[in-house]
Protein backbone atom coordinates (compact mmCIF):
# COMPACT_ATOMS: atom_id res chain seq x y z
CA MET A 1 -0.35 2.90 4.01
CA PRO A 2 -2.36 2.56 6.96
CA HIS A 3 -4.92 -0.28 5.84
CA LEU A 4 -1.73 -2.70 5.81
CA GLU A 5 -0.52 -2.02 9.24
CA ALA A 6 -3.96 -2.24 10.08
CA GLN A 7 -4.57 -5.42 8.09
CA PHE A 8 -1.11 -6.42 10.18
CA ALA A 9 -2.62 -5.58 13.24
CA LEU A 10 -5.76 -7.93 13.39
CA GLU A 11 -4.13 -10.46 11.96
CA GLN A 12 -1.30 -10.20 15.06
CA SER A 13 -4.10 -10.80 16.97
CA GLY A 14 -4.92 -14.17 15.74
CA VAL A 15 -8.36 -13.65 17.25
CA ALA A 16 -9.79 -13.85 14.37
CA ASP A 17 -8.61 -17.42 14.12
CA LEU A 18 -11.14 -18.78 16.75
CA ILE A 19 -13.63 -16.29 17.35
CA ASP A 20 -15.46 -14.16 14.93
CA PRO A 21 -14.66 -10.69 16.41
CA PRO A 22 -17.44 -8.10 16.69
CA ASP A 23 -17.47 -5.64 14.85
CA GLN A 24 -16.38 -2.88 16.77
CA TRP A 25 -13.41 -4.96 17.99
CA LEU A 26 -11.97 -4.84 14.78
CA LEU A 27 -12.56 -1.05 14.40
CA GLU A 28 -10.66 -0.74 16.64
CA THR A 29 -7.84 -2.94 16.57
CA ALA A 30 -7.63 -1.21 13.15
CA ALA A 31 -7.51 2.83 14.40
CA GLU A 32 -5.12 1.17 17.46
CA GLY A 33 -2.99 -0.24 14.54
CA ALA A 34 -3.53 2.12 11.77
CA GLY A 35 -4.00 5.19 13.73
CA TRP A 36 -6.45 7.75 14.02
CA PRO A 37 -7.30 10.97 13.95
CA ASP A 38 -7.46 12.84 16.89
CA GLY A 39 -10.99 13.79 17.81
CA MET A 40 -12.39 11.74 15.13
CA PRO A 41 -15.15 9.61 15.94
CA LEU A 42 -14.48 5.52 16.04
CA ALA A 43 -16.80 4.76 13.34
CA ALA A 44 -17.18 3.04 10.32
CA ASP A 45 -20.63 4.93 8.87
CA ALA A 46 -20.54 7.62 7.26
CA GLU A 47 -22.99 9.72 9.18
CA PRO A 48 -21.17 9.26 12.73
CA LEU A 49 -17.80 10.85 10.05
CA GLY A 50 -20.54 13.98 8.29
CA LEU A 51 -19.88 12.33 4.93
CA THR A 52 -22.40 12.41 2.61
CA ALA A 53 -23.39 9.43 -0.23
CA GLN A 54 -21.87 11.86 -3.07
CA GLU A 55 -18.31 12.36 -1.01
CA LEU A 56 -17.48 8.85 -0.66
CA ALA A 57 -18.53 8.21 -3.79
CA ALA A 58 -16.31 10.76 -4.96
CA ALA A 59 -13.27 9.29 -2.88
CA ALA A 60 -13.79 6.68 -4.21
CA ALA A 61 -13.17 7.54 -7.86
CA GLY A 62 -9.96 9.76 -6.41
CA GLN A 63 -12.09 12.96 -6.92
CA GLY A 64 -12.02 14.94 -3.99
CA GLY A 65 -14.30 17.85 -6.05
CA GLY A 66 -12.46 20.89 -5.18
CA LYS A 67 -13.50 21.28 -1.11
CA PRO A 68 -11.19 21.43 1.55
CA ALA A 69 -11.29 18.31 4.13
CA LYS A 70 -13.93 18.29 6.44
CA PRO A 71 -12.20 20.11 10.00
CA ALA A 72 -12.04 17.21 13.28
CA PRO A 73 -15.05 17.52 14.97
CA THR A 74 -14.18 19.46 18.29
CA SER A 75 -15.46 18.11 20.80
């Protein structure tokens, strides 16, 4: 499970025991620990990832809505 790998990477760094790490550092560490798709923006917000509120709600409800996955950006 990728989220467990990300959590392990964050815990292994030990930095959260000493400081309140910045969000970007947390995102980079989690992405490194769990892997990150090639071409996918390193972001936690929906907009840079090209996702809508409806798509996030459907994913949270376990429904893909029958739409194919969006291709990764090429730039």
